[in-house]
Amino acid sequence: MTKVDFYILPSADPAARLDFACKLTEKAWRMGHRIYLYCSDAAQREALDARLWSFKGESFVPHGLAEDEPDGLIVLGLGDDCVQHQDLLVNLDLKVPAFVQRFARVAEVVVEDPAIRQAARESFRFYREQGYSLQDHRLQRL
């Protein structure tokens, strides 16, 4: 059964979600995981792509777009084109993807923005009703 982790950040800035997603992705990649970063739209994906190249000067996180590198270790996608990925899903959309059950783990990244918090509550409710294993992590600082 899929394990779902909610990371609750002490920031109201939606961009903090992307920064945290970069840190989480780097950590998971170094631990040997394959990561699918599910973005809400092309603009978010473009911003995340740029951050993955520059968020940490001394490290390199290899990644690509799902349609260009579907077998890559770290891919950024916009749809349910994640057939090759089943390890870690970092969901940056405001709704639960239809293919979530394929993954061993899901990371939901939440900030204090009212729309994002409300979407996270609805996602939490959905996961709980479906019987997923849930854990929340309230981060003190970024």
Protein backbone atom coordinates (compact mmCIF):
# COMPACT_ATOMS: atom_id res chain seq x y z
CA MET A 1 0.00 0.00 0.00
CA THR A 2 1.22 3.46 -0.88
CA LYS A 3 2.66 5.53 1.97
CA VAL A 4 1.81 9.25 1.86
CA ASP A 5 3.90 11.91 3.58
CA PHE A 6 2.66 15.49 3.99
CA TYR A 7 5.47 18.02 4.41
CA ILE A 8 4.04 21.18 5.98
CA LEU A 9 6.33 24.15 5.47
CA PRO A 10 6.42 27.26 7.68
CA SER A 11 5.96 29.62 4.74
CA ALA A 12 3.06 31.15 2.85
CA ASP A 13 5.13 31.49 -0.34
CA PRO A 14 4.06 28.94 -2.98
CA ALA A 15 7.63 29.03 -4.37
CA ALA A 16 8.78 27.40 -1.11
CA ARG A 17 7.09 24.23 -2.34
CA LEU A 18 9.45 24.10 -5.32
CA ASP A 19 12.50 24.78 -3.17
CA PHE A 20 11.53 21.98 -0.79
CA ALA A 21 10.75 19.64 -3.69
CA CYS A 22 14.34 20.17 -4.92
CA LYS A 23 15.78 19.30 -1.51
CA LEU A 24 13.54 16.26 -1.14
CA THR A 25 14.35 15.09 -4.65
CA GLU A 26 18.09 15.40 -4.09
CA LYS A 27 17.89 13.44 -0.85
CA ALA A 28 15.73 10.69 -2.36
CA TRP A 29 17.96 10.45 -5.44
CA ARG A 30 21.08 10.09 -3.30
CA MET A 31 19.29 7.27 -1.44
CA GLY A 32 18.74 5.46 -4.75
CA HIS A 33 15.09 6.30 -5.42
CA ARG A 34 13.49 7.05 -8.78
CA ILE A 35 11.40 10.22 -8.55
CA TYR A 36 8.44 11.47 -10.57
CA LEU A 37 7.74 15.16 -9.94
CA TYR A 38 4.12 15.80 -10.89
CA CYS A 39 3.58 19.46 -11.76
CA SER A 40 0.29 21.33 -12.03
CA ASP A 41 1.12 23.17 -15.27
CA ALA A 42 3.89 24.00 -17.71
CA ALA A 43 4.90 27.19 -15.89
CA GLN A 44 5.38 25.34 -12.60
CA ARG A 45 7.34 22.59 -14.35
CA GLU A 46 9.58 25.15 -16.05
CA ALA A 47 10.24 26.89 -12.72
CA LEU A 48 11.03 23.57 -11.04
CA ASP A 49 13.32 22.53 -13.88
CA ALA A 50 15.30 25.77 -13.48
CA ARG A 51 15.49 25.34 -9.69
CA LEU A 52 16.78 21.77 -9.97
CA TRP A 53 19.73 23.08 -11.96
CA SER A 54 20.58 25.88 -9.55
CA PHE A 55 19.13 25.32 -6.07
CA LYS A 56 22.43 24.12 -4.64
CA GLY A 57 25.66 25.29 -6.21
CA GLU A 58 27.79 22.34 -5.17
CA SER A 59 25.46 19.53 -6.29
CA PHE A 60 23.98 18.26 -9.50
CA VAL A 61 20.57 16.59 -9.66
CA PRO A 62 20.15 14.87 -13.05
CA HIS A 63 16.62 15.20 -14.34
CA GLY A 64 14.55 15.57 -17.47
CA LEU A 65 11.04 16.03 -18.77
CA ALA A 66 8.84 12.94 -18.70
CA GLU A 67 8.15 13.03 -22.43
CA ASP A 68 11.87 13.37 -23.27
CA GLU A 69 13.30 10.91 -20.75
CA PRO A 70 10.52 8.60 -19.53
CA ASP A 71 13.07 6.13 -18.12
CA GLY A 72 15.11 8.81 -16.32
CA LEU A 73 15.79 8.56 -12.60
CA ILE A 74 14.17 11.95 -12.00
CA VAL A 75 11.46 13.20 -14.33
CA LEU A 76 9.12 16.18 -14.34
CA GLY A 77 5.67 15.46 -15.70
CA LEU A 78 2.32 17.06 -16.35
CA GLY A 79 0.04 14.09 -16.90
CA ASP A 80 -0.32 10.43 -16.25
CA ASP A 81 2.68 9.62 -18.43
CA CYS A 82 4.58 8.06 -15.51
CA VAL A 83 4.21 4.40 -16.46
CA GLN A 84 7.92 3.69 -15.90
CA HIS A 85 7.89 5.26 -12.42
CA GLN A 86 6.53 3.52 -9.35
CA ASP A 87 8.89 4.53 -6.54
CA LEU A 88 8.41 8.14 -5.30
CA LEU A 89 5.84 10.64 -6.52
CA VAL A 90 6.33 14.26 -5.45
CA ASN A 91 2.91 15.79 -6.07
CA LEU A 92 3.02 19.53 -6.69
CA ASP A 93 -0.48 19.69 -8.13
CA LEU A 94 -3.40 20.70 -5.91
CA LYS A 95 -5.27 17.47 -6.51
CA VAL A 96 -4.44 13.81 -6.08
CA PRO A 97 -3.31 12.30 -9.40
CA ALA A 98 -5.44 9.40 -10.68
CA PHE A 99 -2.35 7.15 -10.88
CA VAL A 100 -1.19 7.65 -7.28
CA GLN A 101 -1.75 3.99 -6.33
CA ARG A 102 1.13 2.93 -8.62
CA PHE A 103 3.69 4.50 -6.33
CA ALA A 104 5.29 3.09 -3.19
CA ARG A 105 5.52 6.59 -1.69
CA VAL A 106 3.92 9.96 -2.27
CA ALA A 107 5.15 13.32 -0.99
CA GLU A 108 2.63 16.15 -0.70
CA VAL A 109 4.27 19.54 -0.13
CA VAL A 110 2.12 22.10 1.70
CA VAL A 111 2.63 25.79 2.50
CA GLU A 112 0.48 28.19 4.50
CA ASP A 113 -1.19 29.68 1.43
CA PRO A 114 -4.97 29.25 2.03
CA ALA A 115 -5.71 27.63 -1.35
CA ILE A 116 -2.85 25.17 -1.01
CA ARG A 117 -3.76 24.30 2.60
CA GLN A 118 -7.39 23.69 1.62
CA ALA A 119 -6.33 21.46 -1.28
CA ALA A 120 -4.03 19.55 1.10
CA ARG A 121 -6.90 19.00 3.53
CA GLU A 122 -9.02 17.57 0.73
CA SER A 123 -6.15 15.36 -0.41
CA PHE A 124 -5.55 14.16 3.16
CA ARG A 125 -9.24 13.29 3.47
CA PHE A 126 -9.14 11.39 0.16
CA TYR A 127 -6.04 9.41 1.14
CA ARG A 128 -7.50 8.58 4.56
CA GLU A 129 -10.80 7.40 3.04
CA GLN A 130 -8.85 5.18 0.63
CA GLY A 131 -6.91 3.62 3.49
CA TYR A 132 -3.45 4.96 2.64
CA SER A 133 -0.77 5.10 5.34
CA LEU A 134 -0.44 8.80 6.25
CA GLN A 135 2.28 10.76 8.01
CA ASP A 136 2.70 14.50 8.43
CA HIS A 137 5.99 16.30 8.94
CA ARG A 138 5.74 19.84 10.28
CA LEU A 139 8.99 21.49 9.37
CA GLN A 140 10.29 24.24 11.63
CA ARG A 141 12.46 26.01 9.09
CA LEU A 142 13.47 25.63 5.47
